[in-house]
């Protein structure tokens, strides 16, 4: 456990994993489970994994679901499942007004300690589906709920974790399958790209228009 990191946790902090479930099962759940375990270990949380697995196993997957699983600092579990809405074929994106600090360790873990992202998402300008942040060095990091992918010469490029990026489950899958590679990107690279995508585990890759 990184005690200094744990000591900065708000009392109401919860670790979050959001994933899809449905008639085809939960194909990305193992990756979310692994990230949940890693995040909890980093924060000194000891969830009962048998309870976690049991809660997920009883989900009614007869229809597509959006599942949000959270664990609090004492290891307490909450699972919410609602019907998954359809994702549009294309999102319109813009540049966020605020920058992120790539050295802030909270950007490396998926928790409720994300006021910057929540406030930006709540204040999305009319006509935008997502805003993209850059860090203090001017490199692209991520969106409020998505990772960023720029297509260049047929290859998907995505910012490295060191630029203030959460290791998204979809992102990790694309990197593991060699469908994407890491590269530092400027906002100008996003604007000039032959194609841009944003995405996460729940929604998959979504074509984006700046």
Protein backbone atom coordinates (compact mmCIF):
# COMPACT_ATOMS: atom_id res chain seq x y z
CA UNK A 1 0.00 0.00 0.00
CA UNK A 2 1.18 3.51 -0.80
CA UNK A 3 0.34 5.09 2.54
CA UNK A 4 0.85 8.68 1.38
CA UNK A 5 -1.57 8.10 -1.48
CA UNK A 6 -4.13 6.46 0.83
CA UNK A 7 -3.79 9.29 3.33
CA UNK A 8 -5.10 11.74 0.71
CA UNK A 9 -8.32 9.75 0.13
CA UNK A 10 -11.57 11.58 0.88
CA UNK A 11 -13.62 9.65 3.45
CA UNK A 12 -16.42 9.07 0.93
CA UNK A 13 -14.13 7.82 -1.85
CA UNK A 14 -15.22 4.78 -3.83
CA UNK A 15 -13.38 2.74 -6.43
CA UNK A 16 -15.44 2.49 -9.63
CA UNK A 17 -15.72 -0.03 -12.43
CA UNK A 18 -18.32 0.47 -15.17
CA UNK A 19 -18.84 -2.24 -17.75
CA UNK A 20 -21.36 -3.82 -20.07
CA UNK A 21 -23.29 -7.04 -19.57
CA UNK A 22 -25.98 -8.71 -21.64
CA UNK A 23 -26.99 -11.76 -23.65
CA UNK A 24 -23.39 -12.15 -24.81
CA UNK A 25 -22.18 -12.22 -21.21
CA UNK A 26 -19.56 -9.89 -19.73
CA UNK A 27 -16.55 -10.19 -22.05
CA UNK A 28 -14.62 -7.36 -20.40
CA UNK A 29 -15.45 -8.18 -16.78
CA UNK A 30 -12.18 -10.10 -16.14
CA UNK A 31 -10.18 -7.00 -17.12
CA UNK A 32 -12.36 -4.76 -14.95
CA UNK A 33 -12.04 -7.20 -12.05
CA UNK A 34 -8.25 -7.18 -12.39
CA UNK A 35 -8.16 -3.37 -12.44
CA UNK A 36 -10.48 -3.24 -9.42
CA UNK A 37 -8.15 -5.52 -7.47
CA UNK A 38 -5.10 -3.46 -8.47
CA UNK A 39 -6.74 -0.16 -7.54
CA UNK A 40 -7.96 -1.47 -4.19
CA UNK A 41 -4.50 -2.83 -3.41
CA UNK A 42 -2.96 0.54 -4.19
CA UNK A 43 -5.41 2.28 -1.88
CA UNK A 44 -5.15 -0.27 0.91
CA UNK A 45 -8.72 -1.54 0.45
CA UNK A 46 -9.51 -5.21 1.01
CA UNK A 47 -12.75 -6.11 -0.79
CA UNK A 48 -14.28 -9.55 -0.36
CA UNK A 49 -13.83 -10.90 -3.88
CA UNK A 50 -16.25 -13.77 -3.29
CA UNK A 51 -18.97 -11.20 -2.59
CA UNK A 52 -17.93 -9.19 -5.65
CA UNK A 53 -18.07 -12.23 -7.91
CA UNK A 54 -21.39 -13.37 -6.46
CA UNK A 55 -22.96 -9.93 -6.98
CA UNK A 56 -21.90 -9.91 -10.61
CA UNK A 57 -22.94 -13.52 -11.22
CA UNK A 58 -26.60 -12.86 -10.34
CA UNK A 59 -27.08 -10.00 -12.80
CA UNK A 60 -30.04 -10.48 -15.15
CA UNK A 61 -28.25 -10.35 -18.49
CA UNK A 62 -31.28 -11.02 -20.68
CA UNK A 63 -30.98 -7.43 -21.94
CA UNK A 64 -27.92 -5.19 -22.44
CA UNK A 65 -26.92 -3.56 -19.16
CA UNK A 66 -24.72 -0.77 -17.91
CA UNK A 67 -23.20 -2.05 -14.68
CA UNK A 68 -21.59 0.28 -12.15
CA UNK A 69 -19.71 -1.46 -9.35
CA UNK A 70 -18.19 0.55 -6.51
CA UNK A 71 -16.14 -0.34 -3.44
CA UNK A 72 -15.71 2.03 -0.49
CA UNK A 73 -12.67 2.43 1.75
CA UNK A 74 -13.90 -0.27 4.14
CA UNK A 75 -14.40 -2.75 1.29
CA UNK A 76 -18.17 -2.29 1.14
CA UNK A 77 -19.67 -3.15 -2.24
CA UNK A 78 -22.46 -1.56 -4.26
CA UNK A 79 -23.65 -2.76 -7.66
CA UNK A 80 -26.11 -0.88 -9.87
CA UNK A 81 -27.33 -2.22 -13.21
CA UNK A 82 -29.56 -0.31 -15.61
CA UNK A 83 -30.51 -0.91 -19.24
CA UNK A 84 -27.73 0.25 -21.53
CA UNK A 85 -28.77 3.04 -23.85
CA UNK A 86 -27.76 3.09 -27.49
CA UNK A 87 -24.48 4.85 -28.32
CA UNK A 88 -24.58 7.24 -31.30
CA UNK A 89 -22.38 6.35 -34.26
CA UNK A 90 -20.50 9.62 -33.90
CA UNK A 91 -19.65 12.07 -31.14
CA UNK A 92 -18.69 15.71 -31.50
CA UNK A 93 -15.70 16.62 -29.34
CA UNK A 94 -13.95 19.81 -28.30
CA UNK A 95 -11.00 20.98 -26.22
CA UNK A 96 -11.56 21.27 -22.47
CA UNK A 97 -11.10 24.69 -20.88
CA UNK A 98 -8.92 23.35 -18.04
CA UNK A 99 -5.63 21.48 -18.11
CA UNK A 100 -4.79 18.37 -16.10
CA UNK A 101 -1.66 17.75 -14.06
CA UNK A 102 -0.05 14.63 -15.51
CA UNK A 103 1.82 14.11 -12.24
CA UNK A 104 -1.37 13.84 -10.18
CA UNK A 105 -1.59 10.15 -9.10
CA UNK A 106 -5.39 10.28 -9.02
CA UNK A 107 -5.53 10.25 -12.82
CA UNK A 108 -4.04 6.75 -12.73
CA UNK A 109 -6.90 5.18 -10.74
CA UNK A 110 -10.63 4.91 -11.39
CA UNK A 111 -12.40 6.39 -8.37
CA UNK A 112 -15.05 8.91 -7.44
CA UNK A 113 -12.26 11.44 -6.80
CA UNK A 114 -12.75 13.06 -10.21
CA UNK A 115 -14.41 16.43 -9.65
CA UNK A 116 -12.62 18.02 -12.61
CA UNK A 117 -14.03 15.46 -15.04
CA UNK A 118 -17.49 15.43 -13.49
CA UNK A 119 -17.81 19.21 -13.59
CA UNK A 120 -16.58 19.37 -17.19
CA UNK A 121 -19.03 16.68 -18.25
CA UNK A 122 -21.92 18.38 -16.46
CA UNK A 123 -21.09 21.64 -18.26
CA UNK A 124 -20.60 20.26 -21.78
CA UNK A 125 -21.37 23.02 -24.28
CA UNK A 126 -24.45 22.53 -26.43
CA UNK A 127 -23.63 20.31 -29.37
CA UNK A 128 -20.65 18.54 -27.77
CA UNK A 129 -20.66 14.95 -26.54
CA UNK A 130 -17.17 15.01 -24.99
CA UNK A 131 -14.29 17.34 -24.22
CA UNK A 132 -10.63 16.36 -24.36
CA UNK A 133 -8.07 17.52 -21.80
CA UNK A 134 -4.44 18.39 -22.36
CA UNK A 135 -1.85 18.36 -19.60
CA UNK A 136 0.48 21.07 -18.33
CA UNK A 137 3.00 20.25 -21.09
CA UNK A 138 0.37 20.64 -23.80
CA UNK A 139 -0.03 16.93 -24.57
CA UNK A 140 -3.44 15.31 -24.98
CA UNK A 141 -4.49 13.16 -22.02
CA UNK A 142 -8.10 11.90 -22.19
CA UNK A 143 -11.76 12.84 -22.20
CA UNK A 144 -14.15 13.07 -19.26
CA UNK A 145 -15.23 9.42 -19.69
CA UNK A 146 -13.15 8.21 -22.63
CA UNK A 147 -9.66 7.54 -23.89
CA UNK A 148 -8.55 9.22 -27.12
CA UNK A 149 -7.36 7.54 -30.32
CA UNK A 150 -5.97 9.33 -33.38
CA UNK A 151 -5.64 7.43 -36.63
CA UNK A 152 -2.47 8.08 -38.61
CA UNK A 153 -1.48 5.99 -41.65
CA UNK A 154 -4.07 3.45 -40.63
CA UNK A 155 -2.70 3.05 -37.07
CA UNK A 156 -4.46 4.17 -33.90
CA UNK A 157 -2.31 6.34 -31.65
CA UNK A 158 -3.26 6.90 -28.02
CA UNK A 159 -1.52 9.01 -25.36
CA UNK A 160 0.80 7.23 -22.90
CA UNK A 161 -0.24 6.82 -19.27
CA UNK A 162 2.51 9.25 -18.27
CA UNK A 163 0.56 12.10 -19.88
CA UNK A 164 -2.16 11.84 -17.24
CA UNK A 165 -4.19 8.97 -18.66
CA UNK A 166 -6.30 6.32 -16.97
CA UNK A 167 -5.49 2.81 -18.14
CA UNK A 168 -8.89 2.20 -19.71
CA UNK A 169 -9.94 -1.39 -20.29
CA UNK A 170 -10.77 -0.78 -23.95
CA UNK A 171 -7.47 1.08 -24.40
CA UNK A 172 -5.49 -1.78 -22.85
CA UNK A 173 -7.28 -4.29 -25.08
CA UNK A 174 -6.48 -2.34 -28.25
CA UNK A 175 -2.82 -2.02 -27.23
CA UNK A 176 -2.58 -5.73 -26.40
CA UNK A 177 -4.05 -6.63 -29.80
CA UNK A 178 -1.61 -4.25 -31.55
CA UNK A 179 -4.56 -2.28 -32.91
CA UNK A 180 -3.16 0.80 -31.18
CA UNK A 181 0.21 2.11 -30.05
CA UNK A 182 1.17 4.80 -27.57
CA UNK A 183 2.29 8.21 -28.83
CA UNK A 184 2.32 11.71 -27.40
CA UNK A 185 -0.24 13.88 -29.16
CA UNK A 186 -0.96 17.59 -29.35
CA UNK A 187 -4.45 18.98 -29.85
CA UNK A 188 -3.32 19.99 -33.34
CA UNK A 189 -2.73 16.29 -34.07
CA UNK A 190 -6.33 15.57 -33.12
CA UNK A 191 -7.65 18.35 -35.33
CA UNK A 192 -5.54 17.29 -38.32
CA UNK A 193 -5.98 13.52 -37.98
CA UNK A 194 -7.37 11.38 -40.79
CA UNK A 195 -9.77 9.98 -38.19
CA UNK A 196 -10.35 10.40 -34.47
CA UNK A 197 -12.05 8.04 -32.03
CA UNK A 198 -12.95 8.20 -28.37
CA UNK A 199 -14.03 5.20 -26.38
CA UNK A 200 -14.34 3.18 -23.23
CA UNK A 201 -15.18 -0.36 -22.25
CA UNK A 202 -18.92 0.21 -22.09
CA UNK A 203 -19.38 2.09 -25.35
CA UNK A 204 -16.53 0.74 -27.47
CA UNK A 205 -14.83 2.92 -30.08
CA UNK A 206 -16.84 5.92 -31.22
CA UNK A 207 -15.86 7.95 -34.27
CA UNK A 208 -15.37 11.58 -33.26
CA UNK A 209 -15.60 14.88 -35.09
CA UNK A 210 -13.81 17.96 -33.80
